[in-house]
N, C-alpha and C. Protein backbone atom coordinates (compact mmCIF):
# COMPACT_ATOMS: atom_id res chain seq x y z
N MET A 1 93.17 -38.79 -37.08
CA MET A 1 93.02 -39.36 -38.93
C MET A 1 91.83 -38.77 -39.33
N GLY A 2 90.69 -39.08 -38.19
CA GLY A 2 89.15 -38.89 -39.08
C GLY A 2 89.20 -37.25 -39.30
N SER A 3 89.34 -36.43 -38.42
CA SER A 3 89.29 -35.12 -38.49
C SER A 3 90.03 -34.59 -40.02
N ALA A 4 91.41 -35.17 -40.35
CA ALA A 4 92.00 -34.83 -41.72
C ALA A 4 91.45 -35.38 -42.44
N VAL A 5 90.76 -36.62 -42.56
CA VAL A 5 90.28 -37.12 -43.95
C VAL A 5 88.82 -36.33 -43.81
N ARG A 6 88.28 -36.12 -42.90
CA ARG A 6 87.03 -35.26 -43.06
C ARG A 6 87.20 -33.53 -43.60
N ILE A 7 88.30 -33.12 -43.13
CA ILE A 7 88.62 -31.51 -43.58
C ILE A 7 89.09 -31.81 -45.21
N ALA A 8 89.85 -32.82 -45.48
CA ALA A 8 90.00 -33.28 -47.00
C ALA A 8 89.01 -33.25 -47.75
N ARG A 9 87.77 -34.01 -47.34
CA ARG A 9 86.74 -34.08 -47.93
C ARG A 9 85.79 -33.11 -48.30
N GLU A 10 85.69 -32.29 -47.19
CA GLU A 10 85.05 -30.81 -47.03
C GLU A 10 85.92 -30.01 -47.89
N THR A 11 87.02 -29.95 -47.90
CA THR A 11 87.65 -28.82 -48.89
C THR A 11 87.53 -29.32 -50.39
N THR A 12 87.53 -30.54 -50.57
CA THR A 12 87.43 -31.19 -52.04
C THR A 12 86.18 -30.80 -52.55
N GLU A 13 85.28 -31.14 -51.82
CA GLU A 13 83.71 -30.69 -52.38
C GLU A 13 83.62 -29.01 -52.44
N GLN A 14 84.29 -28.32 -51.53
CA GLN A 14 84.11 -26.83 -51.91
C GLN A 14 85.11 -26.29 -53.20
N VAL A 15 86.18 -27.18 -53.24
CA VAL A 15 86.67 -26.80 -54.34
C VAL A 15 86.03 -27.08 -55.85
N LEU A 16 85.31 -28.66 -55.82
CA LEU A 16 84.59 -28.90 -56.73
C LEU A 16 83.35 -27.91 -57.25
N ALA A 17 82.69 -27.59 -55.98
CA ALA A 17 81.42 -26.58 -56.24
C ALA A 17 82.09 -25.38 -56.86
N GLU A 18 83.08 -24.77 -56.29
CA GLU A 18 83.71 -23.26 -56.91
C GLU A 18 84.04 -23.47 -58.62
N TRP A 19 84.43 -24.74 -58.83
CA TRP A 19 84.96 -25.16 -60.42
C TRP A 19 83.77 -25.31 -60.80
N GLY A 20 82.56 -25.17 -60.73
CA GLY A 20 81.17 -25.92 -61.00
C GLY A 20 81.00 -27.20 -61.47
N ILE A 21 81.51 -28.27 -60.60
CA ILE A 21 81.49 -29.68 -60.50
C ILE A 21 80.46 -29.77 -59.63
N SER A 22 79.03 -30.33 -60.15
CA SER A 22 78.23 -30.51 -59.34
C SER A 22 78.24 -31.62 -58.16
N ARG A 23 77.94 -31.80 -56.80
CA ARG A 23 78.07 -32.51 -55.92
C ARG A 23 77.24 -33.90 -56.50
N SER A 24 76.48 -33.79 -57.41
CA SER A 24 75.83 -35.13 -58.05
C SER A 24 76.26 -35.72 -59.40
N HIS A 25 77.51 -35.07 -59.93
CA HIS A 25 78.50 -35.59 -60.72
C HIS A 25 78.86 -36.96 -60.47
N PRO A 26 78.69 -38.05 -61.48
CA PRO A 26 78.97 -39.25 -61.11
C PRO A 26 80.45 -39.70 -60.60
N ALA A 27 81.45 -38.86 -61.08
CA ALA A 27 82.49 -38.87 -60.60
C ALA A 27 83.12 -38.46 -58.96
N VAL A 28 82.07 -37.52 -58.70
CA VAL A 28 82.49 -36.62 -57.45
C VAL A 28 82.58 -38.05 -56.35
N ASP A 29 81.41 -38.92 -55.92
CA ASP A 29 81.42 -39.67 -54.85
C ASP A 29 82.79 -40.72 -54.95
N PRO A 30 83.07 -41.43 -56.37
CA PRO A 30 84.29 -42.23 -56.29
C PRO A 30 85.43 -41.48 -56.10
N ALA A 31 85.66 -40.11 -56.36
CA ALA A 31 86.80 -39.06 -56.20
C ALA A 31 86.94 -38.98 -54.81
N LEU A 32 85.83 -38.75 -54.07
CA LEU A 32 85.80 -38.61 -52.62
C LEU A 32 86.62 -39.54 -51.73
N LEU A 33 85.82 -40.74 -52.29
CA LEU A 33 86.38 -41.90 -51.75
C LEU A 33 87.75 -42.23 -51.83
N ILE A 34 88.24 -42.05 -52.97
CA ILE A 34 89.84 -41.91 -53.55
C ILE A 34 90.62 -41.08 -52.57
N LEU A 35 89.87 -40.01 -52.49
CA LEU A 35 91.00 -38.89 -51.74
C LEU A 35 90.69 -39.43 -50.25
N SER A 36 89.85 -39.81 -50.05
CA SER A 36 89.85 -40.17 -48.18
C SER A 36 90.72 -41.40 -48.08
N GLU A 37 90.98 -42.30 -48.81
CA GLU A 37 91.73 -43.40 -48.85
C GLU A 37 93.36 -42.88 -48.82
N LEU A 38 93.46 -42.21 -49.70
CA LEU A 38 95.01 -41.71 -50.14
C LEU A 38 95.56 -41.18 -48.90
N VAL A 39 94.38 -40.17 -48.13
CA VAL A 39 94.63 -39.20 -46.98
C VAL A 39 94.73 -40.13 -45.90
N ALA A 40 93.81 -41.06 -45.86
CA ALA A 40 93.96 -42.05 -44.41
C ALA A 40 95.30 -42.70 -44.82
N ASN A 41 95.84 -43.33 -45.90
CA ASN A 41 97.35 -44.14 -46.01
C ASN A 41 98.27 -43.07 -45.61
N SER A 42 98.37 -41.89 -46.20
CA SER A 42 99.19 -41.24 -45.88
C SER A 42 99.46 -41.21 -44.48
N ILE A 43 98.48 -40.47 -43.69
CA ILE A 43 98.43 -40.34 -42.35
C ILE A 43 98.89 -41.68 -41.56
N ARG A 44 98.38 -42.71 -41.98
CA ARG A 44 98.76 -44.06 -41.56
C ARG A 44 100.16 -44.50 -41.45
N HIS A 45 100.79 -44.23 -42.64
CA HIS A 45 102.02 -44.76 -42.94
C HIS A 45 102.87 -43.55 -43.31
N ALA A 46 102.96 -42.59 -43.33
CA ALA A 46 103.93 -41.51 -43.42
C ALA A 46 104.25 -40.84 -42.29
N ALA A 47 103.10 -40.81 -41.44
CA ALA A 47 103.08 -39.51 -40.34
C ALA A 47 104.54 -39.56 -39.25
N PRO A 48 105.10 -40.63 -39.25
CA PRO A 48 106.46 -40.45 -38.38
C PRO A 48 107.62 -39.66 -39.49
N LEU A 49 107.61 -39.58 -40.38
CA LEU A 49 108.78 -39.02 -41.35
C LEU A 49 107.95 -37.82 -41.82
N SER A 50 106.57 -37.47 -41.86
CA SER A 50 105.94 -36.90 -42.77
C SER A 50 104.48 -36.22 -42.19
N PRO A 51 104.95 -35.37 -41.10
CA PRO A 51 103.64 -35.03 -39.87
C PRO A 51 102.38 -34.23 -40.90
N ASN A 52 102.90 -33.48 -42.17
CA ASN A 52 102.09 -32.90 -42.81
C ASN A 52 101.39 -33.74 -44.25
N VAL A 53 100.05 -33.37 -44.61
CA VAL A 53 99.82 -33.98 -45.87
C VAL A 53 99.44 -32.89 -46.64
N THR A 54 99.51 -33.03 -47.92
CA THR A 54 99.01 -31.81 -48.67
C THR A 54 98.08 -32.39 -49.79
N VAL A 55 96.96 -31.85 -50.31
CA VAL A 55 96.33 -32.00 -51.27
C VAL A 55 96.43 -31.31 -52.20
N ILE A 56 96.41 -31.43 -53.69
CA ILE A 56 96.72 -30.46 -54.81
C ILE A 56 95.51 -30.73 -55.45
N TYR A 57 94.93 -29.84 -56.36
CA TYR A 57 93.97 -30.00 -57.17
C TYR A 57 94.27 -29.27 -58.50
N ALA A 58 93.87 -29.83 -59.66
CA ALA A 58 93.70 -29.32 -60.85
C ALA A 58 92.62 -30.03 -61.76
N ALA A 59 91.82 -29.15 -62.73
CA ALA A 59 90.76 -29.72 -63.47
C ALA A 59 91.07 -28.92 -64.74
N GLY A 60 90.33 -29.59 -65.60
CA GLY A 60 90.18 -28.95 -67.03
C GLY A 60 88.66 -29.35 -67.45
N GLN A 61 88.68 -28.86 -68.77
CA GLN A 61 87.07 -29.01 -69.18
C GLN A 61 86.41 -30.20 -68.80
N ASP A 62 87.52 -31.42 -69.15
CA ASP A 62 86.73 -32.68 -69.33
C ASP A 62 87.62 -33.75 -68.20
N THR A 63 88.26 -33.03 -67.43
CA THR A 63 89.38 -33.59 -66.22
C THR A 63 89.27 -33.24 -64.84
N LEU A 64 89.49 -34.12 -63.87
CA LEU A 64 89.57 -33.60 -62.64
C LEU A 64 90.79 -34.47 -62.20
N ALA A 65 91.83 -33.67 -61.47
CA ALA A 65 92.96 -34.55 -61.27
C ALA A 65 93.43 -33.87 -59.49
N PHE A 66 94.17 -35.02 -59.13
CA PHE A 66 94.24 -34.54 -57.58
C PHE A 66 95.30 -35.27 -57.29
N ALA A 67 96.01 -34.77 -55.90
CA ALA A 67 97.25 -35.48 -55.72
C ALA A 67 97.23 -35.25 -54.07
N VAL A 68 97.79 -36.44 -53.24
CA VAL A 68 98.21 -36.50 -51.84
C VAL A 68 99.42 -36.63 -51.99
N HIS A 69 100.16 -35.63 -51.09
CA HIS A 69 101.87 -35.59 -51.21
C HIS A 69 102.12 -35.38 -49.71
N ASP A 70 102.95 -36.40 -49.33
CA ASP A 70 103.68 -36.20 -48.35
C ASP A 70 105.31 -36.61 -48.34
N ARG A 71 105.72 -36.29 -47.32
CA ARG A 71 107.62 -36.25 -47.08
C ARG A 71 108.06 -37.81 -46.93
N HIS A 72 107.41 -38.83 -47.02
CA HIS A 72 107.73 -39.86 -46.76
C HIS A 72 108.14 -40.52 -48.32
N PRO A 73 109.47 -41.00 -48.20
CA PRO A 73 110.19 -41.34 -49.37
C PRO A 73 109.75 -42.72 -50.13
N TYR A 74 109.31 -43.54 -49.20
CA TYR A 74 108.50 -44.86 -49.76
C TYR A 74 107.27 -44.63 -51.15
N ARG A 75 107.43 -45.34 -51.91
CA ARG A 75 106.80 -45.01 -52.98
C ARG A 75 106.04 -46.22 -53.62
N PRO A 76 104.74 -46.56 -52.82
CA PRO A 76 104.08 -47.96 -52.55
C PRO A 76 103.60 -48.14 -54.14
N PRO A 77 103.72 -49.41 -54.56
CA PRO A 77 103.21 -49.89 -55.72
C PRO A 77 101.70 -49.71 -55.89
N LEU A 78 101.39 -49.10 -57.22
CA LEU A 78 99.75 -48.94 -57.46
C LEU A 78 99.19 -50.15 -58.07
N THR A 79 98.45 -51.12 -57.45
CA THR A 79 98.01 -52.45 -57.88
C THR A 79 96.49 -52.51 -57.66
N SER A 80 95.89 -53.09 -58.30
CA SER A 80 94.34 -53.55 -58.04
C SER A 80 94.36 -54.58 -56.94
N ALA A 81 93.15 -54.67 -56.50
CA ALA A 81 92.83 -55.42 -55.58
C ALA A 81 92.65 -56.79 -56.22
N ALA A 82 92.38 -56.89 -57.44
CA ALA A 82 92.52 -58.04 -58.12
C ALA A 82 93.58 -58.58 -58.37
N THR A 83 94.65 -58.14 -58.10
CA THR A 83 96.00 -58.86 -58.56
C THR A 83 96.40 -59.46 -57.11
N GLY A 84 95.77 -59.29 -56.15
CA GLY A 84 95.89 -59.81 -54.83
C GLY A 84 97.23 -59.35 -54.12
N THR A 85 97.72 -58.29 -54.65
CA THR A 85 99.18 -57.65 -54.08
C THR A 85 98.76 -56.19 -53.80
N GLY A 86 99.58 -55.67 -52.96
CA GLY A 86 99.04 -54.60 -52.20
C GLY A 86 98.45 -54.37 -51.15
N GLY A 87 98.06 -53.18 -50.42
CA GLY A 87 97.12 -53.09 -49.46
C GLY A 87 95.98 -53.01 -50.11
N SER A 88 95.13 -53.36 -49.34
CA SER A 88 93.58 -53.21 -49.95
C SER A 88 92.78 -52.02 -49.76
N GLY A 89 93.52 -50.96 -49.20
CA GLY A 89 93.19 -49.56 -49.50
C GLY A 89 93.61 -49.02 -50.93
N LEU A 90 94.77 -49.34 -51.29
CA LEU A 90 95.35 -49.05 -52.42
C LEU A 90 94.57 -49.52 -53.55
N GLY A 91 94.35 -50.79 -53.35
CA GLY A 91 93.76 -51.89 -54.47
C GLY A 91 92.36 -51.23 -54.51
N THR A 92 91.63 -50.72 -53.65
CA THR A 92 90.35 -49.89 -53.65
C THR A 92 90.62 -48.77 -54.66
N VAL A 93 91.47 -47.78 -54.35
CA VAL A 93 91.97 -46.73 -55.11
C VAL A 93 91.84 -47.10 -56.85
N MET A 94 92.66 -48.22 -56.73
CA MET A 94 93.18 -48.67 -58.34
C MET A 94 91.81 -49.12 -59.22
N GLU A 95 90.97 -49.97 -58.21
CA GLU A 95 89.72 -50.25 -58.75
C GLU A 95 88.59 -49.28 -59.39
N LEU A 96 88.56 -48.25 -58.20
CA LEU A 96 87.64 -47.21 -58.66
C LEU A 96 88.27 -46.29 -59.57
N THR A 97 89.76 -46.04 -59.43
CA THR A 97 90.33 -45.07 -60.69
C THR A 97 90.06 -45.64 -61.92
N LEU A 98 90.33 -47.12 -62.08
CA LEU A 98 90.64 -47.55 -63.62
C LEU A 98 89.18 -47.85 -63.95
N GLY A 99 87.84 -48.27 -62.94
CA GLY A 99 86.77 -48.24 -63.11
C GLY A 99 85.94 -47.00 -63.69
N LEU A 100 86.42 -45.79 -63.51
CA LEU A 100 86.20 -44.62 -63.88
C LEU A 100 86.99 -44.17 -65.33
N GLY A 101 87.55 -44.88 -65.62
CA GLY A 101 88.57 -44.81 -67.09
C GLY A 101 89.61 -43.48 -66.65
N GLY A 102 89.97 -43.58 -65.28
CA GLY A 102 91.03 -42.88 -64.81
C GLY A 102 92.63 -43.44 -65.03
N THR A 103 93.33 -42.78 -64.28
CA THR A 103 94.70 -42.89 -64.19
C THR A 103 95.44 -42.99 -62.89
N ALA A 104 96.26 -43.27 -62.24
CA ALA A 104 97.28 -43.22 -60.92
C ALA A 104 98.39 -43.15 -61.14
N VAL A 105 99.52 -42.44 -60.89
CA VAL A 105 100.72 -42.31 -60.66
C VAL A 105 101.32 -42.16 -59.32
N VAL A 106 102.28 -42.86 -59.14
CA VAL A 106 103.19 -42.16 -58.16
C VAL A 106 104.61 -41.27 -58.61
N ARG A 107 104.61 -40.05 -58.03
CA ARG A 107 105.83 -39.33 -58.66
C ARG A 107 106.33 -38.70 -57.30
N GLY A 108 107.56 -39.24 -57.54
CA GLY A 108 108.58 -38.57 -56.25
C GLY A 108 109.21 -37.38 -56.40
N ASP A 109 109.30 -36.75 -55.22
CA ASP A 109 109.98 -35.17 -55.28
C ASP A 109 111.45 -35.35 -55.64
N ALA A 110 111.90 -34.30 -56.28
CA ALA A 110 113.13 -34.10 -56.97
C ALA A 110 114.15 -34.71 -56.21
N ASP A 111 114.20 -34.33 -54.40
CA ASP A 111 115.08 -34.65 -53.76
C ASP A 111 115.04 -36.09 -53.11
N GLY A 112 114.06 -36.49 -53.54
CA GLY A 112 113.87 -38.07 -53.37
C GLY A 112 113.17 -38.28 -51.85
N GLY A 113 112.75 -37.25 -51.07
CA GLY A 113 112.52 -37.30 -49.81
C GLY A 113 111.00 -37.45 -49.59
N GLY A 114 110.14 -37.64 -50.78
CA GLY A 114 108.73 -37.54 -50.55
C GLY A 114 107.90 -37.92 -51.82
N LYS A 115 106.73 -37.91 -51.85
CA LYS A 115 105.94 -38.30 -53.24
C LYS A 115 104.75 -37.80 -52.87
N SER A 116 104.01 -37.72 -54.31
CA SER A 116 102.68 -37.44 -54.55
C SER A 116 101.91 -38.49 -55.33
N ILE A 117 100.89 -38.88 -54.99
CA ILE A 117 100.13 -40.01 -55.79
C ILE A 117 99.23 -38.82 -56.44
N TRP A 118 99.19 -39.00 -57.64
CA TRP A 118 98.08 -38.51 -58.67
C TRP A 118 97.12 -39.11 -59.27
N ILE A 119 96.13 -38.82 -58.95
CA ILE A 119 94.80 -39.26 -59.51
C ILE A 119 94.18 -38.48 -60.44
N THR A 120 93.75 -39.02 -61.69
CA THR A 120 93.55 -37.97 -62.92
C THR A 120 92.09 -38.96 -63.52
N LEU A 121 90.79 -38.17 -63.45
CA LEU A 121 89.53 -38.71 -63.38
C LEU A 121 88.96 -38.11 -64.79
N PRO A 122 88.11 -38.71 -65.52
CA PRO A 122 87.67 -38.02 -66.77
C PRO A 122 86.25 -37.53 -66.36
N LEU A 123 85.79 -36.41 -66.47
CA LEU A 123 84.58 -35.84 -66.16
C LEU A 123 83.90 -35.65 -67.32
N ARG A 124 83.10 -36.85 -67.68
CA ARG A 124 82.15 -37.05 -68.81
C ARG A 124 80.80 -36.29 -68.19
N LYS A 125 79.92 -36.01 -69.21
CA LYS A 125 78.69 -35.29 -68.89
C LYS A 125 77.84 -36.19 -67.93
N ALA A 126 77.30 -35.81 -67.24
CA ALA A 126 76.25 -36.59 -66.27
C ALA A 126 75.20 -36.62 -67.08
N PRO A 127 74.66 -37.87 -67.28
CA PRO A 127 73.39 -38.44 -68.05
C PRO A 127 72.07 -37.31 -67.59
N VAL A 128 71.58 -36.98 -68.56
CA VAL A 128 70.67 -35.92 -68.17
C VAL A 128 68.90 -36.86 -67.83
C-alpha cells in the first residue's frame, strides 16, 4: 500500500508542477494528504474487487480537482470527523476539504460497479 500512496503523491506533485502550481502553495500539502488518504482507503477497502486504483486530475485558474476511482460498488458516506460517524480517514478528508473551502462528492460509475471520490479545492493566491 505504501508504494502506491507514494507513487500517487509523487505523480500529483509532478502534475501540479507542470500546471504551474507551486509546491509551496498553501493548498498543496492538504491536497496531498487528502489524496494519500483516499488512495490508502481505496487499496485497503476495495482491493478484493478492484485491484486497480486510478487518480484523475483537473484544474482551472482558481480550482484544483482530483478523484480517486476504483471498481468497488460501495459508496462510503462523506461525513466529517466531528459528526462521530464514518471512518476516521474519510473524516480527516472531509475536515481538510471543508477547511479549505472545498467540496467532496462520491460519483458512481454508470454501471453501478465502481465509484470516484472527487475533491475540489479553491486555489487562492498564496500570500506574498
